[in-house]
Amino acid sequence: MNFQQLRSIREAARCGFNLTEVANVLFTSQPGVSRQIRELEEELGVDIFVRNGKRLTGLTDPGRGILQIVERLLIEAENLQQASKDYTGVERGTLRIATTHTQARYVLPKVVQGFRHAFPEVRIALQQSSPEHIAEWVLSGKADIGIATEGLSQFHDLVSFPCYRWHHAIVVPDGHPLLKIERVSLADLAAYPLITYDLGFTGRSHIDAAFHAQGFAPDIVLTAMDSDVIQQYVALGLGVGIIASMALEKAGAGGLQPIDARHLFAENVTRLAVRRGTYLRAYMLEFIVQFAPELTRETVTAALAPVVE
């Protein structure tokens, strides 16, 4: 048994049993992947995969249990490598953060600035995508940390921590009729075309839930992942914007005005997620406590301990 065999098993499951994709991920050949898998099955005396001819089509019942063990073994191997660097005093590396545009643009800059000051030898790789992809990247090890408002708490193999709370706000062009209303209602908003986030982004679920609860079907004419894009189209007069409150820096400039909306939509919680069972290097723990000062290194480390079933 060797780690290449274990990686072949794990990647076969991740790549939908497509051995060509597995070979590309592992920088080897398809026959080599097939051989690694077959040799491990022969050593264990059990079929891990269901086959249709030479093609893998799924996991057997024993294979599902074996895959869980394989995942744990590979995580621990990665943990051992990370721990050895800490124990030898190496403070170099790359911190891979998967997050949404809103977090990367409006929340992370100050944290990253402080972190880089404390760890000048650590490089930071920001990866921006949807919450679903963020979770997948953290689960697969392509990212060390995931930060988003939606979705991260739904995955059993991720440990997520609440970091801060925020509200949505309304943005409109100068002179818009909504600016004359002392306390804007959902009925007032529903009378105009709206521009806001794509489904699954930046608290969009709370926006939809609020309108649904009062029986309104809002006319959402344009959606985007990016708060800046939303504000740009609001400035063009295409609709009323609903954006994250932390993205209001352009409001009051460029012909846009903000309107308080905290009474209209539920409060949002941004979460930071790490793969369960992962060993976090000292600089990774430092980044987490800088991003969420109410957390401590001890509580984070304790929460990441593998669940014993």
C-alpha atoms as a PDB file:
ATOM      1  CA  MET A   1       0.000   0.000   0.000  1.00  0.00           C
ATOM      2  CA  ASN A   2       1.348   3.451  -0.900  1.00  0.00           C
ATOM      3  CA  PHE A   3       0.159   7.042  -1.048  1.00  0.00           C
ATOM      4  CA  GLN A   4      -0.119   7.052  -4.832  1.00  0.00           C
ATOM      5  CA  GLN A   5      -2.637   4.229  -4.603  1.00  0.00           C
ATOM      6  CA  LEU A   6      -4.591   6.138  -1.955  1.00  0.00           C
ATOM      7  CA  ARG A   7      -4.565   9.306  -4.049  1.00  0.00           C
ATOM      8  CA  SER A   8      -5.796   7.352  -7.069  1.00  0.00           C
ATOM      9  CA  ILE A   9      -8.755   6.079  -5.042  1.00  0.00           C
ATOM     10  CA  ARG A  10      -9.612   9.523  -3.700  1.00  0.00           C
ATOM     11  CA  GLU A  11      -9.323  11.305  -7.041  1.00  0.00           C
ATOM     12  CA  ALA A  12     -11.336   8.629  -8.841  1.00  0.00           C
ATOM     13  CA  ALA A  13     -14.255   9.397  -6.538  1.00  0.00           C
ATOM     14  CA  ARG A  14     -13.746  13.167  -6.859  1.00  0.00           C
ATOM     15  CA  CYS A  15     -13.506  13.075 -10.657  1.00  0.00           C
ATOM     16  CA  GLY A  16     -16.728  11.134 -11.154  1.00  0.00           C
ATOM     17  CA  PHE A  17     -14.810   7.892 -11.879  1.00  0.00           C
ATOM     18  CA  ASN A  18     -13.264   9.395 -15.015  1.00  0.00           C
ATOM     19  CA  LEU A  19      -9.738   7.950 -15.025  1.00  0.00           C
ATOM     20  CA  THR A  20      -8.534  10.346 -17.708  1.00  0.00           C
ATOM     21  CA  GLU A  21      -9.312  13.254 -15.372  1.00  0.00           C
ATOM     22  CA  VAL A  22      -7.682  11.398 -12.475  1.00  0.00           C
ATOM     23  CA  ALA A  23      -4.517  10.914 -14.516  1.00  0.00           C
ATOM     24  CA  ASN A  24      -4.436  14.650 -15.319  1.00  0.00           C
ATOM     25  CA  VAL A  25      -4.862  15.597 -11.655  1.00  0.00           C
ATOM     26  CA  LEU A  26      -2.103  13.216 -10.540  1.00  0.00           C
ATOM     27  CA  PHE A  27       0.212  13.963 -13.489  1.00  0.00           C
ATOM     28  CA  THR A  28       0.377  10.338 -14.544  1.00  0.00           C
ATOM     29  CA  SER A  29      -1.149   8.050 -17.183  1.00  0.00           C
ATOM     30  CA  GLN A  30      -4.589   6.450 -17.240  1.00  0.00           C
ATOM     31  CA  PRO A  31      -3.119   2.898 -17.317  1.00  0.00           C
ATOM     32  CA  GLY A  32      -0.994   3.894 -14.325  1.00  0.00           C
ATOM     33  CA  VAL A  33      -4.076   4.992 -12.381  1.00  0.00           C
ATOM     34  CA  SER A  34      -5.907   1.763 -13.263  1.00  0.00           C
ATOM     35  CA  ARG A  35      -2.933  -0.270 -12.096  1.00  0.00           C
ATOM     36  CA  GLN A  36      -2.684   1.610  -8.788  1.00  0.00           C
ATOM     37  CA  ILE A  37      -6.371   1.036  -8.077  1.00  0.00           C
ATOM     38  CA  ARG A  38      -6.305  -2.637  -9.045  1.00  0.00           C
ATOM     39  CA  GLU A  39      -3.171  -3.330  -6.987  1.00  0.00           C
ATOM     40  CA  LEU A  40      -4.754  -1.816  -3.875  1.00  0.00           C
ATOM     41  CA  GLU A  41      -7.971  -3.775  -4.404  1.00  0.00           C
ATOM     42  CA  GLU A  42      -5.946  -6.984  -4.738  1.00  0.00           C
ATOM     43  CA  GLU A  43      -3.949  -6.187  -1.613  1.00  0.00           C
ATOM     44  CA  LEU A  44      -7.116  -5.506   0.389  1.00  0.00           C
ATOM     45  CA  GLY A  45      -8.988  -8.418  -1.150  1.00  0.00           C
ATOM     46  CA  VAL A  46     -12.089  -6.344  -1.924  1.00  0.00           C
ATOM     47  CA  ASP A  47     -13.504  -4.406  -4.890  1.00  0.00           C
ATOM     48  CA  ILE A  48     -13.617  -0.697  -4.131  1.00  0.00           C
ATOM     49  CA  PHE A  49     -15.299   0.339  -7.383  1.00  0.00           C
ATOM     50  CA  VAL A  50     -18.250  -0.915  -9.408  1.00  0.00           C
ATOM     51  CA  ARG A  51     -17.216  -1.598 -13.010  1.00  0.00           C
ATOM     52  CA  ASN A  52     -18.888  -1.811 -16.381  1.00  0.00           C
ATOM     53  CA  GLY A  53     -16.230  -3.570 -18.392  1.00  0.00           C
ATOM     54  CA  LYS A  54     -13.049  -1.575 -17.801  1.00  0.00           C
ATOM     55  CA  ARG A  55     -14.957   1.582 -16.875  1.00  0.00           C
ATOM     56  CA  LEU A  56     -15.534   2.615 -13.259  1.00  0.00           C
ATOM     57  CA  THR A  57     -19.150   3.530 -12.597  1.00  0.00           C
ATOM     58  CA  GLY A  58     -19.393   3.912  -8.829  1.00  0.00           C
ATOM     59  CA  LEU A  59     -18.307   2.785  -5.372  1.00  0.00           C
ATOM     60  CA  THR A  60     -19.164  -0.580  -3.892  1.00  0.00           C
ATOM     61  CA  ASP A  61     -20.564  -0.708  -0.352  1.00  0.00           C
ATOM     62  CA  PRO A  62     -17.110  -1.636   1.051  1.00  0.00           C
ATOM     63  CA  GLY A  63     -15.615   1.009  -1.228  1.00  0.00           C
ATOM     64  CA  ARG A  64     -17.630   3.784   0.451  1.00  0.00           C
ATOM     65  CA  GLY A  65     -16.225   2.829   3.834  1.00  0.00           C
ATOM     66  CA  ILE A  66     -12.701   2.460   2.459  1.00  0.00           C
ATOM     67  CA  LEU A  67     -12.890   5.875   0.794  1.00  0.00           C
ATOM     68  CA  GLN A  68     -13.603   7.515   4.168  1.00  0.00           C
ATOM     69  CA  ILE A  69     -10.484   5.870   5.615  1.00  0.00           C
ATOM     70  CA  VAL A  70      -8.430   6.876   2.588  1.00  0.00           C
ATOM     71  CA  GLU A  71      -9.551  10.496   3.015  1.00  0.00           C
ATOM     72  CA  ARG A  72      -8.507  10.456   6.676  1.00  0.00           C
ATOM     73  CA  LEU A  73      -5.113   8.906   5.894  1.00  0.00           C
ATOM     74  CA  LEU A  74      -4.322  11.496   3.237  1.00  0.00           C
ATOM     75  CA  ILE A  75      -5.459  14.364   5.452  1.00  0.00           C
ATOM     76  CA  GLU A  76      -3.198  13.098   8.241  1.00  0.00           C
ATOM     77  CA  ALA A  77      -0.286  12.791   5.800  1.00  0.00           C
ATOM     78  CA  GLU A  78      -0.820  16.421   4.794  1.00  0.00           C
ATOM     79  CA  ASN A  79      -1.126  17.370   8.468  1.00  0.00           C
ATOM     80  CA  LEU A  80       2.194  15.685   9.216  1.00  0.00           C
ATOM     81  CA  GLN A  81       3.924  17.731   6.529  1.00  0.00           C
ATOM     82  CA  GLN A  82       2.371  20.953   7.798  1.00  0.00           C
ATOM     83  CA  ALA A  83       3.227  20.186  11.427  1.00  0.00           C
ATOM     84  CA  SER A  84       6.857  19.421  10.596  1.00  0.00           C
ATOM     85  CA  LYS A  85       7.236  22.902   9.094  1.00  0.00           C
ATOM     86  CA  ASP A  86       5.860  24.513  12.240  1.00  0.00           C
ATOM     87  CA  TYR A  87       8.060  22.406  14.507  1.00  0.00           C
ATOM     88  CA  THR A  88      11.175  23.337  12.548  1.00  0.00           C
ATOM     89  CA  GLY A  89      10.328  27.026  12.809  1.00  0.00           C
ATOM     90  CA  VAL A  90       9.584  27.588   9.129  1.00  0.00           C
ATOM     91  CA  GLU A  91       7.255  30.578   8.738  1.00  0.00           C
ATOM     92  CA  ARG A  92       7.038  30.429   4.963  1.00  0.00           C
ATOM     93  CA  GLY A  93       4.240  29.071   2.851  1.00  0.00           C
ATOM     94  CA  THR A  94       1.142  30.030   0.913  1.00  0.00           C
ATOM     95  CA  LEU A  95      -2.185  30.734   2.567  1.00  0.00           C
ATOM     96  CA  ARG A  96      -4.950  29.853   0.108  1.00  0.00           C
ATOM     97  CA  ILE A  97      -8.192  31.675   0.837  1.00  0.00           C
ATOM     98  CA  ALA A  98     -11.370  30.947  -1.124  1.00  0.00           C
ATOM     99  CA  THR A  99     -13.976  33.665  -0.797  1.00  0.00           C
ATOM    100  CA  THR A 100     -16.589  35.757  -2.574  1.00  0.00           C
ATOM    101  CA  HIS A 101     -15.928  39.041  -4.326  1.00  0.00           C
ATOM    102  CA  THR A 102     -17.686  41.020  -1.592  1.00  0.00           C
ATOM    103  CA  GLN A 103     -15.431  39.608   1.133  1.00  0.00           C
ATOM    104  CA  ALA A 104     -12.277  39.979  -0.963  1.00  0.00           C
ATOM    105  CA  ARG A 105     -13.095  43.543  -1.990  1.00  0.00           C
ATOM    106  CA  TYR A 106     -14.559  45.058   1.169  1.00  0.00           C
ATOM    107  CA  VAL A 107     -13.634  43.000   4.236  1.00  0.00           C
ATOM    108  CA  LEU A 108     -10.340  41.217   3.684  1.00  0.00           C
ATOM    109  CA  PRO A 109      -7.972  44.063   2.673  1.00  0.00           C
ATOM    110  CA  LYS A 110      -7.338  45.344   6.222  1.00  0.00           C
ATOM    111  CA  VAL A 111      -6.992  41.812   7.598  1.00  0.00           C
ATOM    112  CA  VAL A 112      -4.575  40.827   4.837  1.00  0.00           C
ATOM    113  CA  GLN A 113      -2.575  43.989   5.378  1.00  0.00           C
ATOM    114  CA  GLY A 114      -2.131  43.229   9.093  1.00  0.00           C
ATOM    115  CA  PHE A 115      -1.393  39.578   8.435  1.00  0.00           C
ATOM    116  CA  ARG A 116       1.284  40.349   5.848  1.00  0.00           C
ATOM    117  CA  HIS A 117       2.928  42.694   8.312  1.00  0.00           C
ATOM    118  CA  ALA A 118       3.147  39.860  10.868  1.00  0.00           C
ATOM    119  CA  PHE A 119       4.119  37.135   8.355  1.00  0.00           C
ATOM    120  CA  PRO A 120       6.058  38.766   5.495  1.00  0.00           C
ATOM    121  CA  GLU A 121       7.332  35.395   4.216  1.00  0.00           C
ATOM    122  CA  VAL A 122       3.830  33.965   3.725  1.00  0.00           C
ATOM    123  CA  ARG A 123       2.224  34.408   0.326  1.00  0.00           C
ATOM    124  CA  ILE A 124      -1.552  34.779  -0.002  1.00  0.00           C
ATOM    125  CA  ALA A 125      -3.590  33.317  -2.855  1.00  0.00           C
ATOM    126  CA  LEU A 126      -7.137  34.718  -3.030  1.00  0.00           C
ATOM    127  CA  GLN A 127      -9.543  32.533  -4.991  1.00  0.00           C
ATOM    128  CA  GLN A 128     -12.952  34.088  -5.705  1.00  0.00           C
ATOM    129  CA  SER A 129     -16.039  32.087  -6.581  1.00  0.00           C
ATOM    130  CA  SER A 130     -19.496  31.035  -5.443  1.00  0.00           C
ATOM    131  CA  PRO A 131     -20.073  29.650  -1.918  1.00  0.00           C
ATOM    132  CA  GLU A 132     -20.623  26.182  -3.413  1.00  0.00           C
ATOM    133  CA  HIS A 133     -17.239  26.219  -5.128  1.00  0.00           C
ATOM    134  CA  ILE A 134     -15.613  27.711  -2.041  1.00  0.00           C
ATOM    135  CA  ALA A 135     -16.829  24.747   0.008  1.00  0.00           C
ATOM    136  CA  GLU A 136     -15.634  22.280  -2.632  1.00  0.00           C
ATOM    137  CA  TRP A 137     -12.176  23.866  -2.745  1.00  0.00           C
ATOM    138  CA  VAL A 138     -11.766  23.696   1.032  1.00  0.00           C
ATOM    139  CA  LEU A 139     -13.024  20.102   1.163  1.00  0.00           C
ATOM    140  CA  SER A 140     -10.630  19.038  -1.597  1.00  0.00           C
ATOM    141  CA  GLY A 141      -7.632  20.822  -0.078  1.00  0.00           C
ATOM    142  CA  LYS A 142      -7.353  23.338  -2.923  1.00  0.00           C
ATOM    143  CA  ALA A 143      -7.977  26.088  -0.368  1.00  0.00           C
ATOM    144  CA  ASP A 144      -7.001  26.255   3.293  1.00  0.00           C
ATOM    145  CA  ILE A 145      -9.768  28.595   4.411  1.00  0.00           C
ATOM    146  CA  GLY A 146     -13.183  29.480   2.983  1.00  0.00           C
ATOM    147  CA  ILE A 147     -15.057  32.707   3.762  1.00  0.00           C
ATOM    148  CA  ALA A 148     -18.647  33.368   2.690  1.00  0.00           C
ATOM    149  CA  THR A 149     -22.072  34.275   4.005  1.00  0.00           C
ATOM    150  CA  GLU A 150     -24.088  31.515   2.329  1.00  0.00           C
ATOM    151  CA  GLY A 151     -23.735  27.766   2.404  1.00  0.00           C
ATOM    152  CA  LEU A 152     -20.597  26.936   4.392  1.00  0.00           C
ATOM    153  CA  SER A 153     -22.445  25.602   7.448  1.00  0.00           C
ATOM    154  CA  GLN A 154     -24.225  22.933   5.384  1.00  0.00           C
ATOM    155  CA  PHE A 155     -21.242  20.609   4.927  1.00  0.00           C
ATOM    156  CA  HIS A 156     -20.541  17.965   7.586  1.00  0.00           C
ATOM    157  CA  ASP A 157     -16.828  17.783   6.792  1.00  0.00           C
ATOM    158  CA  LEU A 158     -16.350  21.530   7.157  1.00  0.00           C
ATOM    159  CA  VAL A 159     -16.074  23.267  10.495  1.00  0.00           C
ATOM    160  CA  SER A 160     -17.441  26.785  10.146  1.00  0.00           C
ATOM    161  CA  PHE A 161     -17.171  29.668  12.591  1.00  0.00           C
ATOM    162  CA  PRO A 162     -19.445  32.723  12.735  1.00  0.00           C
ATOM    163  CA  CYS A 163     -17.265  35.800  12.269  1.00  0.00           C
ATOM    164  CA  TYR A 164     -19.369  38.955  11.960  1.00  0.00           C
ATOM    165  CA  ARG A 165     -22.915  40.112  11.264  1.00  0.00           C
ATOM    166  CA  TRP A 166     -24.113  42.564   8.659  1.00  0.00           C
ATOM    167  CA  HIS A 167     -27.239  43.886   6.903  1.00  0.00           C
ATOM    168  CA  HIS A 168     -28.322  44.690   3.387  1.00  0.00           C
ATOM    169  CA  ALA A 169     -28.773  48.254   2.183  1.00  0.00           C
ATOM    170  CA  ILE A 170     -30.602  49.896  -0.695  1.00  0.00           C
ATOM    171  CA  VAL A 171     -28.838  52.108  -3.236  1.00  0.00           C
ATOM    172  CA  VAL A 172     -30.592  54.447  -5.645  1.00  0.00           C
ATOM    173  CA  PRO A 173     -29.563  57.279  -8.013  1.00  0.00           C
ATOM    174  CA  ASP A 174     -29.727  60.881  -6.814  1.00  0.00           C
ATOM    175  CA  GLY A 175     -33.279  62.219  -6.841  1.00  0.00           C
ATOM    176  CA  HIS A 176     -34.966  58.797  -6.752  1.00  0.00           C
ATOM    177  CA  PRO A 177     -38.527  58.821  -5.298  1.00  0.00           C
ATOM    178  CA  LEU A 178     -37.569  56.304  -2.594  1.00  0.00           C
ATOM    179  CA  LEU A 179     -35.338  58.965  -1.005  1.00  0.00           C
ATOM    180  CA  LYS A 180     -38.480  60.923  -0.050  1.00  0.00           C
ATOM    181  CA  ILE A 181     -39.908  58.011   1.997  1.00  0.00           C
ATOM    182  CA  GLU A 182     -38.966  58.137   5.672  1.00  0.00           C
ATOM    183  CA  ARG A 183     -39.078  54.360   6.195  1.00  0.00           C
ATOM    184  CA  VAL A 184     -39.044  52.335   2.973  1.00  0.00           C
ATOM    185  CA  SER A 185     -41.222  49.197   2.976  1.00  0.00           C
ATOM    186  CA  LEU A 186     -41.020  46.033   0.906  1.00  0.00           C
ATOM    187  CA  ALA A 187     -44.128  47.232  -0.941  1.00  0.00           C
ATOM    188  CA  ASP A 188     -42.285  50.421  -1.841  1.00  0.00           C
ATOM    189  CA  LEU A 189     -39.307  48.407  -3.110  1.00  0.00           C
ATOM    190  CA  ALA A 190     -41.457  45.956  -5.050  1.00  0.00           C
ATOM    191  CA  ALA A 191     -42.811  48.846  -7.136  1.00  0.00           C
ATOM    192  CA  TYR A 192     -39.419  49.214  -8.860  1.00  0.00           C
ATOM    193  CA  PRO A 193     -37.144  46.948 -10.914  1.00  0.00           C
ATOM    194  CA  LEU A 194     -34.457  45.554  -8.628  1.00  0.00           C
ATOM    195  CA  ILE A 195     -30.776  44.724  -9.073  1.00  0.00           C
ATOM    196  CA  THR A 196     -29.097  42.433  -6.555  1.00  0.00           C
ATOM    197  CA  TYR A 197     -26.932  39.345  -6.063  1.00  0.00           C
ATOM    198  CA  ASP A 198     -27.097  36.022  -7.863  1.00  0.00           C
ATOM    199  CA  LEU A 199     -28.848  33.175  -6.068  1.00  0.00           C
ATOM    200  CA  GLY A 200     -26.641  31.759  -3.340  1.00  0.00           C
ATOM    201  CA  PHE A 201     -24.497  34.897  -2.990  1.00  0.00           C
ATOM    202  CA  THR A 202     -24.104  37.477  -0.243  1.00  0.00           C
ATOM    203  CA  GLY A 203     -27.320  36.870   1.680  1.00  0.00           C
ATOM    204  CA  ARG A 204     -29.589  36.652  -1.375  1.00  0.00           C
ATOM    205  CA  SER A 205     -31.665  33.980   0.378  1.00  0.00           C
ATOM    206  CA  HIS A 206     -32.704  36.538   3.032  1.00  0.00           C
ATOM    207  CA  ILE A 207     -33.799  38.987   0.353  1.00  0.00           C
ATOM    208  CA  ASP A 208     -35.993  36.389  -1.350  1.00  0.00           C
ATOM    209  CA  ALA A 209     -37.389  35.154   1.981  1.00  0.00           C
ATOM    210  CA  ALA A 210     -38.451  38.647   3.034  1.00  0.00           C
ATOM    211  CA  PHE A 211     -40.410  39.307  -0.153  1.00  0.00           C
ATOM    212  CA  HIS A 212     -41.943  35.821  -0.133  1.00  0.00           C
ATOM    213  CA  ALA A 213     -43.093  36.165   3.483  1.00  0.00           C
ATOM    214  CA  GLN A 214     -45.138  39.249   2.578  1.00  0.00           C
ATOM    215  CA  GLY A 215     -46.474  37.820  -0.667  1.00  0.00           C
ATOM    216  CA  PHE A 216     -44.500  40.015  -3.071  1.00  0.00           C
ATOM    217  CA  ALA A 217     -42.960  38.831  -6.338  1.00  0.00           C
ATOM    218  CA  PRO A 218     -40.175  41.382  -6.911  1.00  0.00           C
ATOM    219  CA  ASP A 219     -39.073  42.260 -10.428  1.00  0.00           C
ATOM    220  CA  ILE A 220     -35.377  41.410 -10.231  1.00  0.00           C
ATOM    221  CA  VAL A 221     -34.182  42.568 -13.632  1.00  0.00           C
ATOM    222  CA  LEU A 222     -30.443  41.979 -13.199  1.00  0.00           C
ATOM    223  CA  THR A 223     -28.256  39.929 -10.881  1.00  0.00           C
ATOM    224  CA  ALA A 224     -24.503  39.820 -10.354  1.00  0.00           C
ATOM    225  CA  MET A 225     -21.893  38.349  -8.019  1.00  0.00           C
ATOM    226  CA  ASP A 226     -20.123  41.671  -7.633  1.00  0.00           C
ATOM    227  CA  SER A 227     -21.369  44.604  -5.522  1.00  0.00           C
ATOM    228  CA  ASP A 228     -19.476  47.065  -7.728  1.00  0.00           C
ATOM    229  CA  VAL A 229     -21.271  45.751 -10.817  1.00  0.00           C
ATOM    230  CA  ILE A 230     -24.657  46.099  -9.129  1.00  0.00           C
ATOM    231  CA  GLN A 231     -23.922  49.722  -8.196  1.00  0.00           C
ATOM    232  CA  GLN A 232     -22.716  50.469 -11.704  1.00  0.00           C
ATOM    233  CA  TYR A 233     -26.043  49.403 -13.206  1.00  0.00           C
ATOM    234  CA  VAL A 234     -27.983  51.279 -10.540  1.00  0.00           C
ATOM    235  CA  ALA A 235     -26.033  54.402 -11.514  1.00  0.00           C
ATOM    236  CA  LEU A 236     -27.173  53.832 -15.110  1.00  0.00           C
ATOM    237  CA  GLY A 237     -30.788  53.978 -13.957  1.00  0.00           C
ATOM    238  CA  LEU A 238     -31.648  50.342 -14.637  1.00  0.00           C
ATOM    239  CA  GLY A 239     -33.133  49.687 -11.217  1.00  0.00           C
ATOM    240  CA  VAL A 240     -32.901  49.925  -7.442  1.00  0.00           C
ATOM    241  CA  GLY A 241     -29.954  48.083  -5.911  1.00  0.00           C
ATOM    242  CA  ILE A 242     -29.897  45.830  -2.852  1.00  0.00           C
ATOM    243  CA  ILE A 243     -26.329  45.232  -1.731  1.00  0.00           C
ATOM    244  CA  ALA A 244     -24.260  44.331   1.327  1.00  0.00           C
ATOM    245  CA  SER A 245     -23.896  47.238   3.739  1.00  0.00           C
ATOM    246  CA  MET A 246     -20.074  46.943   3.711  1.00  0.00           C
ATOM    247  CA  ALA A 247     -20.117  47.682  -0.037  1.00  0.00           C
ATOM    248  CA  LEU A 248     -21.604  51.168   0.398  1.00  0.00           C
ATOM    249  CA  GLU A 249     -18.356  53.056  -0.050  1.00  0.00           C
ATOM    250  CA  LYS A 250     -19.492  54.294  -3.473  1.00  0.00           C
ATOM    251  CA  ALA A 251     -22.845  55.483  -2.161  1.00  0.00           C
ATOM    252  CA  GLY A 252     -22.909  59.262  -1.822  1.00  0.00           C
ATOM    253  CA  ALA A 253     -20.427  59.478  -4.696  1.00  0.00           C
ATOM    254  CA  GLY A 254     -20.967  58.873  -8.368  1.00  0.00           C
ATOM    255  CA  GLY A 255     -24.613  59.865  -8.130  1.00  0.00           C
ATOM    256  CA  LEU A 256     -25.720  57.080  -5.732  1.00  0.00           C
ATOM    257  CA  GLN A 257     -27.467  57.417  -2.384  1.00  0.00           C
ATOM    258  CA  PRO A 258     -27.875  54.753   0.348  1.00  0.00           C
ATOM    259  CA  ILE A 259     -31.117  53.874   2.129  1.00  0.00           C
ATOM    260  CA  ASP A 260     -31.198  51.905   5.373  1.00  0.00           C
ATOM    261  CA  ALA A 261     -32.772  48.458   4.882  1.00  0.00           C
ATOM    262  CA  ARG A 262     -31.927  46.663   8.131  1.00  0.00           C
ATOM    263  CA  HIS A 263     -35.631  46.636   9.074  1.00  0.00           C
ATOM    264  CA  LEU A 264     -36.521  44.839   5.825  1.00  0.00           C
ATOM    265  CA  PHE A 265     -34.177  41.866   5.620  1.00  0.00           C
ATOM    266  CA  ALA A 266     -32.852  39.376   8.159  1.00  0.00           C
ATOM    267  CA  GLU A 267     -29.379  39.857   9.573  1.00  0.00           C
ATOM    268  CA  ASN A 268     -26.595  37.978   7.774  1.00  0.00           C
ATOM    269  CA  VAL A 269     -23.681  36.081   9.300  1.00  0.00           C
ATOM    270  CA  THR A 270     -20.382  35.690   7.466  1.00  0.00           C
ATOM    271  CA  ARG A 271     -18.639  32.435   8.296  1.00  0.00           C
ATOM    272  CA  LEU A 272     -15.105  31.108   7.973  1.00  0.00           C
ATOM    273  CA  ALA A 273     -14.725  27.391   7.223  1.00  0.00           C
ATOM    274  CA  VAL A 274     -11.878  24.893   7.448  1.00  0.00           C
ATOM    275  CA  ARG A 275     -11.854  21.193   6.582  1.00  0.00           C
ATOM    276  CA  ARG A 276     -12.486  19.032   9.632  1.00  0.00           C
ATOM    277  CA  GLY A 277      -9.376  17.214  10.860  1.00  0.00           C
ATOM    278  CA  THR A 278      -6.951  19.616   9.172  1.00  0.00           C
ATOM    279  CA  TYR A 279      -3.768  20.670  10.935  1.00  0.00           C
ATOM    280  CA  LEU A 280      -3.548  24.439  10.760  1.00  0.00           C
ATOM    281  CA  ARG A 281      -0.107  25.974  10.714  1.00  0.00           C
ATOM    282  CA  ALA A 282       0.601  28.807  13.141  1.00  0.00           C
ATOM    283  CA  TYR A 283       0.188  31.492  10.489  1.00  0.00           C
ATOM    284  CA  MET A 284      -3.177  30.026   9.422  1.00  0.00           C
ATOM    285  CA  LEU A 285      -4.451  30.207  13.004  1.00  0.00           C
ATOM    286  CA  GLU A 286      -3.161  33.766  13.238  1.00  0.00           C
ATOM    287  CA  PHE A 287      -5.073  34.764  10.117  1.00  0.00           C
ATOM    288  CA  ILE A 288      -8.295  33.270  11.529  1.00  0.00           C
ATOM    289  CA  VAL A 289      -8.076  35.111  14.841  1.00  0.00           C
ATOM    290  CA  GLN A 290      -7.234  38.356  13.018  1.00  0.00           C
ATOM    291  CA  PHE A 291     -10.297  37.934  10.813  1.00  0.00           C
ATOM    292  CA  ALA A 292     -12.535  36.945  13.752  1.00  0.00           C
ATOM    293  CA  PRO A 293     -10.980  38.326  16.971  1.00  0.00           C
ATOM    294  CA  GLU A 294     -13.638  36.702  19.157  1.00  0.00           C
ATOM    295  CA  LEU A 295     -12.142  33.308  18.266  1.00  0.00           C
ATOM    296  CA  THR A 296      -9.035  31.887  19.940  1.00  0.00           C
ATOM    297  CA  ARG A 297      -6.430  29.509  18.573  1.00  0.00           C
ATOM    298  CA  GLU A 298      -7.473  26.946  21.195  1.00  0.00           C
ATOM    299  CA  THR A 299     -11.176  26.983  20.295  1.00  0.00           C
ATOM    300  CA  VAL A 300     -10.414  26.722  16.577  1.00  0.00           C
ATOM    301  CA  THR A 301      -7.991  23.815  17.049  1.00  0.00           C
ATOM    302  CA  ALA A 302     -10.405  21.961  19.334  1.00  0.00           C
ATOM    303  CA  ALA A 303     -13.283  22.368  16.875  1.00  0.00           C
ATOM    304  CA  LEU A 304     -11.226  20.925  14.021  1.00  0.00           C
ATOM    305  CA  ALA A 305     -10.550  17.624  15.760  1.00  0.00           C
ATOM    306  CA  PRO A 306     -11.920  14.693  13.666  1.00  0.00           C
ATOM    307  CA  VAL A 307     -15.308  13.352  14.661  1.00  0.00           C
ATOM    308  CA  VAL A 308     -14.988   9.828  16.045  1.00  0.00           C
ATOM    309  CA  GLU A 309     -17.847   7.677  14.727  1.00  0.00           C
END
